[in-house]
Amino acid sequence: MFLSLETADSLLSADCDSLAAMFFYQLDMPEDTTEELAYYNYVASRINCRNYEYQDPEVLDLPIAYFKQTGDNKRLAYSYCYKSIFLVNYSYDLSSAMIYNKMAEEIANNLDDDILKYNIYSNGYTIAAGCFDTQECLSYAMQAYHTGEKMHEKSRLAYPANYITMCYNDMNMSDSVQKYMSVCLNLIDCYNMGAKASVYASFGDAMFNKDNFSIAEQYYLESVGIIENADAFKGLTKIYLSRGNLAKAKECYAKALRPDAYESNIDIMSVYAGYLERSGDLASASSVYRRVSVEKDSLYRVKERNMLTQMDNLNRIFAEQKSDSELLKSDINRLKIWLIVCAVLTAALAVMLLIRRAKVKRESVSLGAQLYERLLQNENISQWSKDEREIVSSYYFAENPAFGTEVTNGYQKLSVNANIFLILHHLGKSKTEVMDIMGFSDQAYRSLKSRIEKMRKG
């Protein structure tokens, strides 16, 4: 059995994937937890990874333990890398995936294996892009690109070049964008349909950032002509909103929203809601803002869940390292492991604290949106608490920063009722509507208006 597994493994290393798979699937799975089962799981993972098949990441736990014990660092690094890839594709656990990818990278740095390094770098920029970490995505994409150059393989240049283009787009570095756009065009035949659509969407973003909307529109349309691409529809939505073409913008906006892509959705939804608000369609704008609030809730829940998962994995890795520490030959290595784990745990706790604080702020924003909606419906607020009035005032000023600045700079410190009074007039409410909403008599209305005028600066 072991020699047969070695044969399948060698065929994979020789890029004879189909032959390796045919040979491997004729083998029976070992029934015990010996070295043969560890090696069997390793070869199965290689085949599944090469064929883009889903696999439970835990299948690699046995190979990882076995290769650590035998000191087979090359296969250990591959096992970490495969586990990271399956954590992305099987359960979309990006936090854990990055941990295992970095463990693979640490070992690979001391190995002469460009294929392994390229796989690690490619997986790294995929994870970083999913986490919206532009700097780390660019770093990994650059390393993958230069490794592809070293290997003289066009296909290994094409995909990182597209990610580099996207990163430079996000950073508004137009010269670098132009350079890698040219690279992508020269390698356009290396992309599959989905990647080709993504490339043209990146080109559209580049032209949009340079305010060349006509060329950007052409690239976006070319992208969606290949395959429906949410990023391209997002760009088209912005272009049509800038032209005041609400009918086309609405059509593209519906296709720009992606399940679970919270940060991307929040961006385009905020742009769309802002346009509706400026156009006077306050009810529709408020509805979209409420969806933004829901997306933000989902985003922070996902981030908090990922952070908790990351901490669980760190604790487990720490326990494994602690049990393995007896095999280490020096106290220096033990201390290094302790310091690395403690530093990562400290960083994780700090991020969790930030998420908790953001959650409190988010809940306030969510309540502000609800109160604002009630205000739009002319609800009488005379029974509202002072806190509720302050929350809706803060929400409105945050959503309308120019007006908030105008009030702050134009008046001495106003009462919360005075702020509500100004907000209602900014919304276009009539005197009668303001009186009904605030529960004022005509005299109370004129009295507050007079006090506000006296508070005007200059």
Protein backbone atom coordinates (compact mmCIF):
# COMPACT_ATOMS: atom_id res chain seq x y z
CA MET A 1 0.00 0.00 0.00
CA PHE A 2 2.70 2.49 0.99
CA LEU A 3 4.62 1.98 -2.25
CA SER A 4 1.39 2.44 -4.22
CA LEU A 5 0.72 5.72 -2.43
CA GLU A 6 4.28 6.82 -3.22
CA THR A 7 3.57 6.09 -6.90
CA ALA A 8 0.38 8.20 -6.89
CA ASP A 9 2.24 10.98 -5.08
CA SER A 10 5.07 10.88 -7.64
CA LEU A 11 2.59 11.07 -10.53
CA LEU A 12 1.06 14.20 -8.98
CA SER A 13 4.50 15.76 -8.66
CA ALA A 14 5.06 15.01 -12.36
CA ASP A 15 1.77 16.84 -13.21
CA CYS A 16 0.14 13.57 -14.31
CA ASP A 17 -3.01 14.41 -12.36
CA SER A 18 -5.49 12.21 -14.25
CA LEU A 19 -3.24 9.17 -14.15
CA ALA A 20 -2.51 9.76 -10.44
CA ALA A 21 -6.24 9.98 -9.67
CA MET A 22 -7.02 6.79 -11.63
CA PHE A 23 -4.22 4.96 -9.85
CA PHE A 24 -5.17 6.29 -6.39
CA TYR A 25 -8.89 5.47 -6.60
CA GLN A 26 -8.06 1.82 -7.23
CA LEU A 27 -6.53 1.63 -3.76
CA ASP A 28 -8.49 0.64 -0.67
CA MET A 29 -8.55 3.06 2.22
CA PRO A 30 -6.48 1.77 5.19
CA GLU A 31 -8.64 0.78 8.17
CA ASP A 32 -6.40 1.92 11.02
CA THR A 33 -4.65 5.16 12.07
CA THR A 34 -1.16 4.09 11.11
CA GLU A 35 1.28 5.92 8.89
CA GLU A 36 -0.48 4.48 5.84
CA LEU A 37 -3.76 6.24 6.70
CA ALA A 38 -1.89 9.50 7.29
CA TYR A 39 -0.19 9.22 3.93
CA TYR A 40 -3.44 8.11 2.26
CA ASN A 41 -5.23 11.23 3.54
CA TYR A 42 -2.35 13.39 2.33
CA VAL A 43 -2.43 12.01 -1.23
CA ALA A 44 -6.26 12.25 -1.30
CA SER A 45 -5.98 15.90 -0.27
CA ARG A 46 -3.46 16.60 -3.04
CA ILE A 47 -5.80 15.09 -5.62
CA ASN A 48 -8.86 16.92 -4.31
CA CYS A 49 -6.99 20.20 -4.18
CA ARG A 50 -5.66 19.81 -7.73
CA ASN A 51 -9.18 18.93 -8.98
CA TYR A 52 -10.85 21.79 -7.06
CA GLU A 53 -12.94 19.32 -5.05
CA TYR A 54 -14.35 20.13 -1.61
CA GLN A 55 -12.92 18.25 1.37
CA ASP A 56 -13.35 18.45 5.12
CA PRO A 57 -10.19 20.27 6.37
CA GLU A 58 -9.97 17.96 9.41
CA VAL A 59 -8.94 15.08 7.13
CA LEU A 60 -5.47 16.70 7.14
CA ASP A 61 -5.07 16.64 10.93
CA LEU A 62 -3.64 13.10 10.87
CA PRO A 63 -1.08 13.83 8.09
CA ILE A 64 -0.04 17.01 9.89
CA ALA A 65 0.56 15.13 13.15
CA TYR A 66 2.41 12.35 11.31
CA PHE A 67 4.69 14.62 9.25
CA LYS A 68 5.52 16.69 12.33
CA GLN A 69 6.52 13.53 14.12
CA THR A 70 8.66 12.24 11.26
CA GLY A 71 10.19 15.65 10.52
CA ASP A 72 8.98 15.64 6.88
CA ASN A 73 8.83 19.44 6.60
CA LYS A 74 8.03 19.54 2.90
CA ARG A 75 4.91 17.40 3.18
CA LEU A 76 4.03 19.15 6.45
CA ALA A 77 4.10 22.52 4.65
CA TYR A 78 1.94 21.15 1.83
CA SER A 79 -0.49 19.72 4.42
CA TYR A 80 -0.80 23.11 6.13
CA CYS A 81 -1.33 24.76 2.74
CA TYR A 82 -3.99 22.24 1.66
CA LYS A 83 -5.79 22.59 4.98
CA SER A 84 -5.80 26.36 4.52
CA ILE A 85 -7.24 26.01 1.01
CA PHE A 86 -9.99 23.66 2.18
CA LEU A 87 -10.82 25.97 5.11
CA VAL A 88 -11.53 28.66 2.51
CA ASN A 89 -13.43 26.50 0.02
CA TYR A 90 -15.17 24.10 2.42
CA SER A 91 -16.21 26.33 5.32
CA TYR A 92 -15.03 29.85 4.32
CA ASP A 93 -13.17 30.14 7.62
CA LEU A 94 -10.77 32.86 6.50
CA SER A 95 -9.22 33.54 9.92
CA SER A 96 -8.19 29.92 10.47
CA ALA A 97 -7.17 29.59 6.81
CA MET A 98 -4.71 32.47 7.17
CA ILE A 99 -3.19 30.92 10.30
CA TYR A 100 -2.46 27.63 8.54
CA ASN A 101 -1.26 29.40 5.39
CA LYS A 102 1.28 31.37 7.43
CA MET A 103 2.43 28.17 9.14
CA ALA A 104 3.01 26.68 5.69
CA GLU A 105 4.82 29.84 4.61
CA GLU A 106 7.15 29.76 7.61
CA ILE A 107 8.32 26.27 6.68
CA ALA A 108 8.40 26.94 2.91
CA ASN A 109 10.79 29.87 3.38
CA ASN A 110 13.50 27.30 4.18
CA LEU A 111 12.65 24.98 1.26
CA ASP A 112 13.60 25.10 -2.40
CA ASP A 113 10.11 24.50 -3.81
CA ASP A 114 8.67 27.24 -6.02
CA ILE A 115 5.40 25.38 -6.64
CA LEU A 116 4.75 25.17 -2.90
CA LYS A 117 5.60 28.83 -2.43
CA TYR A 118 3.41 29.86 -5.38
CA ASN A 119 0.46 27.90 -3.92
CA ILE A 120 0.95 29.55 -0.53
CA TYR A 121 1.19 33.05 -2.00
CA SER A 122 -1.86 32.48 -4.24
CA ASN A 123 -3.87 31.19 -1.32
CA GLY A 124 -2.65 34.16 0.74
CA TYR A 125 -3.91 36.81 -1.67
CA THR A 126 -7.24 34.97 -2.03
CA ILE A 127 -7.74 34.99 1.75
CA ALA A 128 -6.59 38.61 2.13
CA ALA A 129 -8.96 39.73 -0.64
CA GLY A 130 -11.82 37.97 1.15
CA CYS A 131 -10.86 39.85 4.33
CA PHE A 132 -10.64 43.16 2.38
CA ASP A 133 -7.02 43.54 3.50
CA THR A 134 -5.61 45.39 0.48
CA GLN A 135 -2.03 45.66 1.73
CA GLU A 136 -1.66 41.96 2.56
CA CYS A 137 -3.43 40.99 -0.66
CA LEU A 138 -0.98 43.11 -2.67
CA SER A 139 2.02 41.67 -0.80
CA TYR A 140 1.01 38.06 -1.49
CA ALA A 141 -0.01 38.80 -5.10
CA MET A 142 3.40 40.40 -5.75
CA GLN A 143 5.21 37.38 -4.30
CA ALA A 144 3.10 35.02 -6.41
CA TYR A 145 3.74 37.14 -9.52
CA HIS A 146 7.52 37.18 -9.03
CA THR A 147 7.52 33.43 -8.33
CA GLY A 148 5.59 32.95 -11.58
CA GLU A 149 8.23 35.02 -13.39
CA LYS A 150 10.93 32.82 -11.91
CA MET A 151 9.08 29.71 -13.13
CA HIS A 152 8.58 31.21 -16.64
CA GLU A 153 4.90 30.21 -16.70
CA LYS A 154 2.35 32.67 -18.12
CA SER A 155 -0.57 31.06 -16.31
CA ARG A 156 1.18 31.72 -13.00
CA LEU A 157 1.51 35.43 -13.89
CA ALA A 158 -2.06 36.05 -15.05
CA TYR A 159 -4.05 35.58 -11.85
CA PRO A 160 -1.78 37.46 -9.42
CA ALA A 161 -1.54 40.28 -12.02
CA ASN A 162 -5.31 40.72 -11.83
CA TYR A 163 -5.23 40.88 -8.02
CA ILE A 164 -2.37 43.39 -8.19
CA THR A 165 -4.48 45.53 -10.53
CA MET A 166 -7.43 45.38 -8.12
CA CYS A 167 -5.23 46.32 -5.15
CA TYR A 168 -3.69 49.30 -6.94
CA ASN A 169 -7.21 50.34 -7.96
CA ASP A 170 -8.22 50.36 -4.29
CA MET A 171 -5.12 52.43 -3.50
CA ASN A 172 -5.78 54.88 -6.39
CA MET A 173 -2.27 54.30 -7.82
CA SER A 174 -3.14 54.87 -11.48
CA ASP A 175 0.35 54.40 -12.96
CA SER A 176 0.74 50.97 -11.35
CA VAL A 177 -2.82 50.07 -12.38
CA GLN A 178 -1.99 50.93 -15.98
CA LYS A 179 1.15 48.77 -15.88
CA TYR A 180 -0.61 45.65 -14.66
CA MET A 181 -3.64 46.24 -16.88
CA SER A 182 -1.23 45.85 -19.80
CA VAL A 183 0.12 42.64 -18.26
CA CYS A 184 -3.40 41.26 -17.89
CA LEU A 185 -4.29 42.13 -21.50
CA ASN A 186 -1.18 40.32 -22.75
CA LEU A 187 -2.22 37.26 -20.74
CA ILE A 188 -5.97 37.47 -21.38
CA ASP A 189 -6.11 34.00 -22.97
CA CYS A 190 -4.81 32.45 -19.75
CA TYR A 191 -7.99 33.29 -17.82
CA ASN A 192 -11.14 31.21 -17.51
CA MET A 193 -14.49 32.93 -18.11
CA GLY A 194 -15.04 34.04 -14.51
CA ALA A 195 -11.52 35.40 -14.16
CA LYS A 196 -11.73 37.16 -17.54
CA ALA A 197 -14.93 38.90 -16.41
CA SER A 198 -13.14 39.91 -13.20
CA VAL A 199 -10.23 41.33 -15.22
CA TYR A 200 -12.51 43.56 -17.30
CA ALA A 201 -14.32 44.67 -14.13
CA SER A 202 -10.92 45.70 -12.70
CA PHE A 203 -10.22 47.67 -15.88
CA GLY A 204 -13.60 49.37 -15.47
CA ASP A 205 -12.71 50.33 -11.89
CA ALA A 206 -9.41 51.79 -13.12
CA MET A 207 -11.15 53.98 -15.69
CA PHE A 208 -13.87 54.95 -13.21
CA ASN A 209 -11.24 56.12 -10.73
CA LYS A 210 -9.81 58.34 -13.49
CA ASP A 211 -13.34 59.77 -14.14
CA ASN A 212 -13.29 58.25 -17.62
CA PHE A 213 -16.84 56.96 -17.29
CA SER A 214 -17.44 56.15 -20.96
CA ILE A 215 -14.45 53.79 -21.18
CA ALA A 216 -15.27 52.39 -17.74
CA GLU A 217 -18.80 51.61 -18.93
CA GLN A 218 -17.42 49.72 -21.95
CA TYR A 219 -15.20 47.55 -19.74
CA TYR A 220 -18.02 46.87 -17.27
CA LEU A 221 -20.39 45.89 -20.09
CA GLU A 222 -17.71 43.64 -21.57
CA SER A 223 -17.37 42.00 -18.14
CA VAL A 224 -21.10 41.29 -17.69
CA GLY A 225 -21.24 40.15 -21.32
CA ILE A 226 -18.93 37.27 -20.38
CA ILE A 227 -20.60 36.36 -17.10
CA GLU A 228 -22.78 38.31 -14.65
CA ASN A 229 -20.26 39.99 -12.39
CA ALA A 230 -21.38 41.78 -9.22
CA ASP A 231 -18.33 44.06 -9.23
CA ALA A 232 -19.08 45.20 -12.78
CA PHE A 233 -22.74 45.81 -11.94
CA LYS A 234 -21.58 47.83 -8.94
CA GLY A 235 -19.53 50.06 -11.26
CA LEU A 236 -22.39 50.40 -13.75
CA THR A 237 -24.73 51.42 -10.91
CA LYS A 238 -22.40 54.26 -9.94
CA ILE A 239 -22.05 55.41 -13.57
CA TYR A 240 -25.81 55.46 -14.20
CA LEU A 241 -26.44 57.27 -10.90
CA SER A 242 -23.88 59.91 -11.91
CA ARG A 243 -25.88 60.39 -15.13
CA GLY A 244 -29.20 60.51 -13.33
CA ASN A 245 -30.42 57.38 -15.13
CA LEU A 246 -32.29 55.85 -12.20
CA ALA A 247 -34.01 53.15 -14.26
CA LYS A 248 -30.71 51.60 -15.43
CA ALA A 249 -29.08 52.20 -12.05
CA LYS A 250 -31.90 50.31 -10.31
CA GLU A 251 -31.52 47.37 -12.68
CA CYS A 252 -27.76 47.14 -12.11
CA TYR A 253 -28.01 47.81 -8.36
CA ALA A 254 -30.15 44.69 -7.87
CA LYS A 255 -27.41 42.59 -9.52
CA ALA A 256 -24.56 44.30 -7.65
CA LEU A 257 -25.55 42.88 -4.25
CA ARG A 258 -23.85 39.60 -3.33
CA PRO A 259 -24.82 37.12 -0.61
CA ASP A 260 -22.47 37.43 2.39
CA ALA A 261 -20.32 40.13 0.70
CA TYR A 262 -21.22 42.56 3.44
CA GLU A 263 -18.53 45.22 2.98
CA SER A 264 -19.02 45.37 -0.79
CA ASN A 265 -22.81 45.57 -0.34
CA ILE A 266 -22.55 48.33 2.26
CA ASP A 267 -20.47 50.42 -0.15
CA ILE A 268 -22.87 50.31 -3.12
CA MET A 269 -25.99 50.49 -0.91
CA SER A 270 -24.68 53.67 0.75
CA VAL A 271 -23.98 55.24 -2.65
CA TYR A 272 -27.45 54.29 -3.88
CA ALA A 273 -29.20 55.54 -0.72
CA GLY A 274 -27.28 58.82 -0.88
CA TYR A 275 -28.49 59.40 -4.44
CA LEU A 276 -32.11 58.67 -3.45
CA GLU A 277 -31.81 61.07 -0.52
CA ARG A 278 -30.40 63.88 -2.68
CA SER A 279 -33.17 63.23 -5.20
CA GLY A 280 -35.81 63.77 -2.51
CA ASP A 281 -37.00 60.14 -2.34
CA LEU A 282 -36.55 60.02 1.41
CA ALA A 283 -38.77 56.99 2.01
CA SER A 284 -36.77 54.81 -0.42
CA ALA A 285 -33.49 56.21 0.91
CA SER A 286 -34.52 55.37 4.45
CA SER A 287 -35.43 51.82 3.38
CA VAL A 288 -31.98 51.31 1.84
CA TYR A 289 -30.27 52.82 4.90
CA ARG A 290 -32.10 50.27 7.03
CA ARG A 291 -30.68 47.53 4.81
CA VAL A 292 -27.23 49.05 5.27
CA SER A 293 -27.75 48.79 9.03
CA VAL A 294 -28.73 45.11 8.67
CA GLU A 295 -25.65 44.42 6.50
CA LYS A 296 -23.43 46.10 9.11
CA ASP A 297 -24.98 43.93 11.82
CA SER A 298 -24.24 40.84 9.75
CA LEU A 299 -20.71 42.01 8.96
CA TYR A 300 -19.77 42.52 12.61
CA ARG A 301 -21.35 39.22 13.61
CA VAL A 302 -19.24 37.45 10.98
CA LYS A 303 -16.09 39.29 12.08
CA GLU A 304 -16.74 38.50 15.72
CA ARG A 305 -17.43 34.84 14.93
CA ASN A 306 -14.25 34.62 12.86
CA MET A 307 -12.26 36.21 15.66
CA LEU A 308 -13.62 33.71 18.20
CA THR A 309 -12.79 30.86 15.81
CA GLN A 310 -9.31 32.27 15.34
CA MET A 311 -8.77 32.40 19.09
CA ASP A 312 -10.01 28.82 19.48
CA ASN A 313 -7.57 27.70 16.80
CA LEU A 314 -4.74 29.61 18.41
CA ASN A 315 -5.47 27.95 21.74
CA ARG A 316 -5.50 24.55 20.08
CA ILE A 317 -2.27 25.26 18.18
CA PHE A 318 -0.74 26.50 21.40
CA ALA A 319 -1.72 23.25 23.12
CA GLU A 320 -0.17 21.25 20.26
CA GLN A 321 3.02 23.27 20.43
CA LYS A 322 3.13 22.82 24.18
CA SER A 323 2.84 19.03 23.87
CA ASP A 324 5.51 19.04 21.14
CA SER A 325 7.87 21.27 23.11
CA GLU A 326 9.56 18.24 24.70
CA LEU A 327 10.91 17.43 21.23
CA LEU A 328 12.54 20.84 20.86
CA LYS A 329 16.26 21.03 21.57
CA SER A 330 16.56 24.54 23.00
CA ASP A 331 14.81 26.90 25.37
CA ILE A 332 15.14 29.64 22.74
CA ASN A 333 12.76 27.85 20.37
CA ARG A 334 10.24 27.30 23.16
CA LEU A 335 10.39 30.96 24.10
CA LYS A 336 9.91 31.97 20.46
CA ILE A 337 6.71 29.91 20.20
CA TRP A 338 5.36 31.39 23.43
CA LEU A 339 6.06 34.94 22.31
CA ILE A 340 4.47 34.47 18.88
CA VAL A 341 1.32 32.90 20.29
CA CYS A 342 1.00 35.50 23.06
CA ALA A 343 1.44 38.34 20.56
CA VAL A 344 -1.24 36.94 18.26
CA LEU A 345 -3.62 36.31 21.16
CA THR A 346 -3.07 39.85 22.42
CA ALA A 347 -3.80 41.23 18.95
CA ALA A 348 -6.90 39.05 18.69
CA LEU A 349 -8.20 40.29 22.05
CA ALA A 350 -7.59 43.89 20.99
CA VAL A 351 -9.56 43.37 17.79
CA MET A 352 -12.39 41.73 19.73
CA LEU A 353 -12.52 44.77 22.01
CA LEU A 354 -12.76 47.04 18.96
CA ILE A 355 -15.53 44.86 17.54
CA ARG A 356 -17.44 45.07 20.83
CA ARG A 357 -17.14 48.86 20.83
CA ALA A 358 -18.20 48.99 17.20
CA LYS A 359 -21.19 46.81 18.04
CA VAL A 360 -22.38 49.30 20.67
CA LYS A 361 -21.96 52.13 18.17
CA ARG A 362 -23.72 50.09 15.49
CA GLU A 363 -26.72 49.44 17.76
CA SER A 364 -27.02 53.18 18.31
CA VAL A 365 -26.94 53.79 14.55
CA SER A 366 -29.58 51.09 14.02
CA LEU A 367 -31.88 52.71 16.59
CA GLY A 368 -31.20 56.10 15.00
CA ALA A 369 -32.34 54.75 11.62
CA GLN A 370 -35.55 53.38 13.16
CA LEU A 371 -36.32 56.68 14.93
CA TYR A 372 -35.54 58.61 11.75
CA GLU A 373 -38.04 56.49 9.82
CA ARG A 374 -40.70 57.29 12.42
CA LEU A 375 -39.82 60.97 12.13
CA LEU A 376 -40.30 60.80 8.35
CA GLN A 377 -43.80 59.39 8.95
CA ASN A 378 -44.68 62.53 11.00
CA GLU A 379 -44.97 60.60 14.29
CA ASN A 380 -45.61 62.82 17.31
CA ILE A 381 -42.41 62.83 19.36
CA SER A 382 -43.62 64.74 22.40
CA GLN A 383 -43.39 61.52 24.46
CA TRP A 384 -39.93 60.61 23.20
CA SER A 385 -37.17 60.58 25.79
CA LYS A 386 -34.26 63.01 25.60
CA ASP A 387 -31.97 60.08 24.71
CA GLU A 388 -34.17 59.12 21.75
CA ARG A 389 -34.14 62.69 20.46
CA GLU A 390 -30.35 62.91 20.82
CA ILE A 391 -29.89 59.57 19.02
CA VAL A 392 -32.01 60.58 16.02
CA SER A 393 -30.27 63.99 15.89
CA SER A 394 -26.82 62.39 15.92
CA TYR A 395 -27.93 59.87 13.28
CA TYR A 396 -29.25 62.60 10.97
CA PHE A 397 -26.13 64.77 11.32
CA ALA A 398 -23.92 61.73 10.66
CA GLU A 399 -25.88 60.86 7.50
CA ASN A 400 -25.91 64.52 6.39
CA PRO A 401 -22.44 65.78 7.40
CA ALA A 402 -22.64 69.04 5.43
CA PHE A 403 -25.83 70.03 7.24
CA GLY A 404 -24.37 68.90 10.57
CA THR A 405 -21.32 71.12 10.01
CA GLU A 406 -23.58 74.01 9.03
CA VAL A 407 -25.52 73.71 12.30
CA THR A 408 -22.39 73.27 14.42
CA ASN A 409 -20.57 76.23 12.88
CA GLY A 410 -23.62 78.43 12.39
CA TYR A 411 -25.08 78.36 15.90
CA GLN A 412 -24.00 78.42 19.49
CA LYS A 413 -24.74 75.20 21.41
CA LEU A 414 -28.37 74.30 20.73
CA SER A 415 -30.79 72.23 22.76
CA VAL A 416 -31.85 68.83 21.45
CA ASN A 417 -35.32 70.24 20.63
CA ALA A 418 -33.70 73.02 18.62
CA ASN A 419 -31.71 70.43 16.65
CA ILE A 420 -34.90 68.45 15.92
CA PHE A 421 -36.61 71.70 14.85
CA LEU A 422 -33.82 72.45 12.34
CA ILE A 423 -33.75 68.86 11.10
CA LEU A 424 -37.50 68.87 10.40
CA HIS A 425 -37.19 72.06 8.37
CA HIS A 426 -34.19 70.59 6.54
CA LEU A 427 -36.43 67.64 5.62
CA GLY A 428 -38.89 70.10 4.07
CA LYS A 429 -41.60 69.74 6.71
CA SER A 430 -44.17 72.55 6.82
CA LYS A 431 -44.83 74.65 9.91
CA THR A 432 -48.03 72.69 10.60
CA GLU A 433 -46.20 69.37 10.27
CA VAL A 434 -43.43 70.55 12.63
CA MET A 435 -46.00 71.64 15.21
CA ASP A 436 -47.83 68.28 14.97
CA ILE A 437 -44.61 66.23 15.18
CA MET A 438 -43.19 68.17 18.16
CA GLY A 439 -46.55 68.65 19.87
CA PHE A 440 -46.19 72.45 19.83
CA SER A 441 -48.76 75.18 19.93
CA ASP A 442 -48.30 78.13 17.59
CA GLN A 443 -46.81 80.16 20.45
CA ALA A 444 -44.36 77.38 21.42
CA TYR A 445 -43.30 77.07 17.76
CA ARG A 446 -42.63 80.82 17.45
CA SER A 447 -40.85 80.88 20.81
CA LEU A 448 -38.41 78.10 19.88
CA LYS A 449 -37.82 79.61 16.44
CA SER A 450 -36.97 82.95 18.09
CA ARG A 451 -34.53 81.29 20.54
CA ILE A 452 -32.78 79.51 17.69
CA GLU A 453 -32.37 82.77 15.77
CA LYS A 454 -30.79 84.37 18.83
CA MET A 455 -28.30 81.49 18.99
CA ARG A 456 -27.11 82.10 15.41
CA LYS A 457 -23.49 83.17 15.27
CA GLY A 458 -22.56 86.45 13.65
